[in-house]
């Protein structure tokens, strides 16, 4: 059923792209379909702490074939957090790694990620240690589930090819953990399908821009749901 819905979104976006392109669009058209899902947010989450204290972002968890995209997705998350309302003071992953290395905690960080990979739950003692070292009550664990692209070239009119379309799919997930209690406070997932006319074979879709847009929607609808946009730290 999930595969059927995804194909339906791709076909729908592609048809809209073809229709508008053939109507005389002179610039590349981007048609996207986004969807986010989140579980209940913990009532113990303190928005004041989240917005006013540094929040460390851990390394992106991704399947082996797309692990190399982690830095791009991580950068997009940091940007989306800084532009949220209210903005969240994220400590980028690179800075997290440098600070932990300077304090001799690189091994503890590696073991924390290993414990998370094994069970989906970070080791509580190490989480507390790393949170204290970084001065972060909360840490974000981002994940990249999928990034794929396909060329759709099956739409013709009067025997002539109208347009080739690139369909890109991105799936992300995000968890917020309390370093003191070891509890997960929020969890959300998001996916987007983007259809764009292929102007040239060398053209690509910006993963950074696509991920940033999807992160922003997930942050607004989950982490900061109900927060007053005019609220600011004292």
Protein backbone atom coordinates (compact mmCIF):
# COMPACT_ATOMS: atom_id res chain seq x y z
CA UNK A 1 0.00 0.00 0.00
CA UNK A 2 2.87 2.38 0.80
CA UNK A 3 4.47 1.65 -2.58
CA UNK A 4 1.13 2.25 -4.34
CA UNK A 5 0.66 5.63 -2.62
CA UNK A 6 4.23 6.66 -3.48
CA UNK A 7 3.76 5.74 -7.17
CA UNK A 8 0.47 7.61 -7.20
CA UNK A 9 2.14 10.75 -5.80
CA UNK A 10 4.95 10.51 -8.36
CA UNK A 11 2.52 10.06 -11.26
CA UNK A 12 0.30 12.89 -10.02
CA UNK A 13 3.22 15.29 -9.63
CA UNK A 14 4.61 14.26 -13.00
CA UNK A 15 1.31 14.78 -14.83
CA UNK A 16 1.00 18.26 -13.36
CA UNK A 17 4.56 18.97 -14.42
CA UNK A 18 3.92 17.81 -17.97
CA UNK A 19 0.69 19.80 -18.30
CA UNK A 20 2.21 23.06 -17.15
CA UNK A 21 5.44 22.55 -19.07
CA UNK A 22 3.61 21.89 -22.33
CA UNK A 23 1.45 24.98 -21.70
CA UNK A 24 4.48 27.18 -22.18
CA UNK A 25 6.47 27.21 -18.93
CA UNK A 26 9.88 28.69 -19.80
CA UNK A 27 11.53 27.85 -16.48
CA UNK A 28 11.92 24.42 -14.83
CA UNK A 29 8.81 23.56 -12.85
CA UNK A 30 9.08 21.91 -9.44
CA UNK A 31 6.04 19.97 -8.27
CA UNK A 32 6.31 18.39 -4.84
CA UNK A 33 4.21 16.33 -2.47
CA UNK A 34 5.13 16.33 1.23
CA UNK A 35 3.88 14.27 4.13
CA UNK A 36 4.90 14.22 7.80
CA UNK A 37 3.91 12.00 10.69
CA UNK A 38 4.67 12.38 14.39
CA UNK A 39 3.85 10.57 17.60
CA UNK A 40 2.60 12.25 20.78
CA UNK A 41 5.11 14.76 22.12
CA UNK A 42 6.16 14.18 25.72
CA UNK A 43 4.58 16.66 28.17
CA UNK A 44 7.95 16.88 29.91
CA UNK A 45 9.46 18.70 26.92
CA UNK A 46 10.30 22.25 28.00
CA UNK A 47 10.08 24.60 24.99
CA UNK A 48 12.03 27.27 26.92
CA UNK A 49 14.96 24.88 27.40
CA UNK A 50 14.69 23.69 23.81
CA UNK A 51 14.84 27.22 22.41
CA UNK A 52 17.14 28.93 24.91
CA UNK A 53 19.82 26.33 25.54
CA UNK A 54 22.16 24.67 23.02
CA UNK A 55 20.77 21.48 21.49
CA UNK A 56 23.39 19.04 20.21
CA UNK A 57 22.77 17.27 16.90
CA UNK A 58 24.23 13.78 16.66
CA UNK A 59 25.48 12.18 13.46
CA UNK A 60 22.90 11.25 10.84
CA UNK A 61 21.90 7.58 10.90
CA UNK A 62 21.59 6.21 7.35
CA UNK A 63 21.82 2.94 5.42
CA UNK A 64 25.27 2.06 4.14
CA UNK A 65 24.59 3.04 0.53
CA UNK A 66 23.68 6.65 1.37
CA UNK A 67 25.78 7.35 4.46
CA UNK A 68 27.86 9.78 2.41
CA UNK A 69 24.84 12.10 2.19
CA UNK A 70 24.81 12.51 5.97
CA UNK A 71 26.79 15.80 6.13
CA UNK A 72 24.47 17.46 3.60
CA UNK A 73 21.35 16.36 5.47
CA UNK A 74 22.91 17.40 8.79
CA UNK A 75 23.76 20.88 7.47
CA UNK A 76 20.19 21.26 6.19
CA UNK A 77 18.86 20.36 9.64
CA UNK A 78 21.07 22.94 11.38
CA UNK A 79 19.85 25.64 8.98
CA UNK A 80 16.20 24.66 9.43
CA UNK A 81 16.53 24.76 13.22
CA UNK A 82 18.10 28.23 13.14
CA UNK A 83 15.25 29.53 10.95
CA UNK A 84 12.44 28.01 13.02
CA UNK A 85 10.03 30.13 15.10
CA UNK A 86 11.27 30.30 17.79
CA UNK A 87 14.76 29.45 16.51
CA UNK A 88 16.60 26.51 18.09
CA UNK A 89 20.27 26.94 18.96
CA UNK A 90 21.61 23.74 17.43
CA UNK A 91 25.20 22.64 17.99
CA UNK A 92 26.25 21.26 14.58
CA UNK A 93 27.49 17.68 14.42
CA UNK A 94 31.01 18.74 13.41
CA UNK A 95 31.28 20.98 16.48
CA UNK A 96 29.88 18.21 18.68
CA UNK A 97 32.60 15.85 17.44
CA UNK A 98 35.37 18.41 17.93
CA UNK A 99 34.29 19.28 21.48
CA UNK A 100 33.97 15.64 22.50
CA UNK A 101 37.38 14.83 20.98
CA UNK A 102 38.96 17.71 22.93
CA UNK A 103 37.47 16.27 26.14
CA UNK A 104 38.61 12.72 25.39
CA UNK A 105 35.09 11.45 24.81
CA UNK A 106 35.32 10.37 21.18
CA UNK A 107 35.22 6.72 22.25
CA UNK A 108 32.16 7.30 24.42
CA UNK A 109 30.40 8.97 21.50
CA UNK A 110 31.20 6.01 19.24
CA UNK A 111 29.84 3.61 21.86
CA UNK A 112 26.71 5.75 22.21
CA UNK A 113 26.00 5.44 18.49
CA UNK A 114 26.78 1.72 18.60
CA UNK A 115 24.27 1.17 21.41
CA UNK A 116 21.70 3.10 19.42
CA UNK A 117 22.35 1.02 16.30
CA UNK A 118 21.91 -2.21 18.25
CA UNK A 119 18.69 -1.41 20.06
CA UNK A 120 17.31 1.91 18.85
CA UNK A 121 17.89 3.30 22.36
CA UNK A 122 21.07 5.21 23.34
CA UNK A 123 22.95 4.05 26.42
CA UNK A 124 21.63 6.23 29.26
CA UNK A 125 24.93 6.64 31.16
CA UNK A 126 26.82 7.68 28.03
CA UNK A 127 23.98 9.97 26.98
CA UNK A 128 24.17 11.72 30.35
CA UNK A 129 27.96 12.01 30.10
CA UNK A 130 27.91 13.46 26.61
CA UNK A 131 25.03 15.82 27.39
CA UNK A 132 26.93 17.16 30.43
CA UNK A 133 30.12 17.59 28.40
CA UNK A 134 28.27 19.55 25.71
CA UNK A 135 26.09 21.53 28.11
CA UNK A 136 23.00 20.19 26.31
CA UNK A 137 19.92 18.94 28.14
CA UNK A 138 18.46 17.80 24.82
CA UNK A 139 20.05 16.09 21.80
CA UNK A 140 18.62 15.51 18.36
CA UNK A 141 19.13 12.24 16.52
CA UNK A 142 18.44 12.72 12.78
CA UNK A 143 18.06 9.90 10.30
CA UNK A 144 18.08 9.57 6.52
CA UNK A 145 15.93 6.64 5.40
CA UNK A 146 15.97 7.13 1.63
CA UNK A 147 17.07 9.41 -1.17
CA UNK A 148 16.42 8.15 -4.68
CA UNK A 149 15.93 9.59 -8.15
CA UNK A 150 14.35 8.16 -11.29
CA UNK A 151 13.86 9.47 -14.82
CA UNK A 152 10.30 9.08 -16.14
CA UNK A 153 10.19 9.22 -19.93
CA UNK A 154 6.89 7.68 -21.02
CA UNK A 155 4.65 10.60 -21.83
CA UNK A 156 4.15 11.33 -25.54
CA UNK A 157 1.76 13.43 -27.59
CA UNK A 158 0.99 12.70 -31.24
CA UNK A 159 4.01 10.43 -31.31
CA UNK A 160 6.36 13.13 -30.11
CA UNK A 161 8.05 13.11 -26.73
CA UNK A 162 6.97 16.11 -24.63
CA UNK A 163 9.22 16.08 -21.59
CA UNK A 164 11.42 13.91 -19.46
CA UNK A 165 10.79 14.19 -15.74
CA UNK A 166 13.06 13.46 -12.81
CA UNK A 167 11.21 12.10 -9.75
CA UNK A 168 13.16 12.41 -6.48
CA UNK A 169 12.09 10.88 -3.18
CA UNK A 170 13.49 11.85 0.23
CA UNK A 171 12.57 10.27 3.56
CA UNK A 172 13.84 11.64 6.89
CA UNK A 173 13.21 10.98 10.58
CA UNK A 174 14.05 12.94 13.71
CA UNK A 175 14.10 12.11 17.42
CA UNK A 176 14.63 14.35 20.45
CA UNK A 177 16.20 12.77 23.56
CA UNK A 178 16.53 14.03 27.13
CA UNK A 179 20.15 13.47 28.19
CA UNK A 180 19.32 13.47 31.90
CA UNK A 181 16.49 10.94 31.93
CA UNK A 182 17.34 9.00 28.77
CA UNK A 183 13.74 9.44 27.59
CA UNK A 184 12.66 10.11 24.03
CA UNK A 185 10.57 13.28 23.95
CA UNK A 186 9.45 13.44 20.35
CA UNK A 187 9.71 11.48 17.12
CA UNK A 188 8.67 12.43 13.62
CA UNK A 189 9.09 11.24 10.06
CA UNK A 190 8.73 13.05 6.78
CA UNK A 191 8.83 12.25 3.11
CA UNK A 192 8.70 14.32 -0.04
CA UNK A 193 8.44 13.45 -3.72
CA UNK A 194 9.68 16.12 -6.11
CA UNK A 195 9.04 16.07 -9.88
CA UNK A 196 11.07 18.36 -12.13
CA UNK A 197 11.45 18.55 -15.93
CA UNK A 198 14.88 17.36 -17.05
CA UNK A 199 16.46 20.32 -18.79
CA UNK A 200 19.74 18.44 -19.30
CA UNK A 201 21.09 15.04 -18.32
CA UNK A 202 23.58 16.76 -16.02
CA UNK A 203 20.87 18.57 -14.04
CA UNK A 204 20.26 17.37 -10.48
CA UNK A 205 17.95 18.10 -7.58
CA UNK A 206 19.45 19.98 -4.63
CA UNK A 207 19.42 17.57 -1.69
CA UNK A 208 20.33 20.40 0.71
CA UNK A 209 17.36 22.59 -0.29
CA UNK A 210 14.93 19.66 -0.40
CA UNK A 211 16.03 18.35 3.01
CA UNK A 212 15.93 21.82 4.57
CA UNK A 213 12.33 22.34 3.44
CA UNK A 214 11.25 18.95 4.78
CA UNK A 215 13.11 19.43 8.10
CA UNK A 216 11.42 22.82 8.53
CA UNK A 217 7.98 21.30 8.14
CA UNK A 218 8.78 18.48 10.58
CA UNK A 219 10.14 20.94 13.17
CA UNK A 220 7.11 23.20 12.90
CA UNK A 221 4.54 20.40 13.05
CA UNK A 222 6.21 18.35 15.80
CA UNK A 223 8.99 19.91 17.88
CA UNK A 224 7.42 23.37 18.01
CA UNK A 225 3.75 22.50 17.55
CA UNK A 226 1.67 24.99 19.47
CA UNK A 227 4.62 27.26 20.29
CA UNK A 228 3.96 30.98 19.99
CA UNK A 229 6.00 32.24 17.02
CA UNK A 230 6.51 35.61 18.74
CA UNK A 231 7.98 33.91 21.82
CA UNK A 232 11.64 34.65 22.43
CA UNK A 233 14.23 33.74 25.07
CA UNK A 234 14.53 36.26 27.91
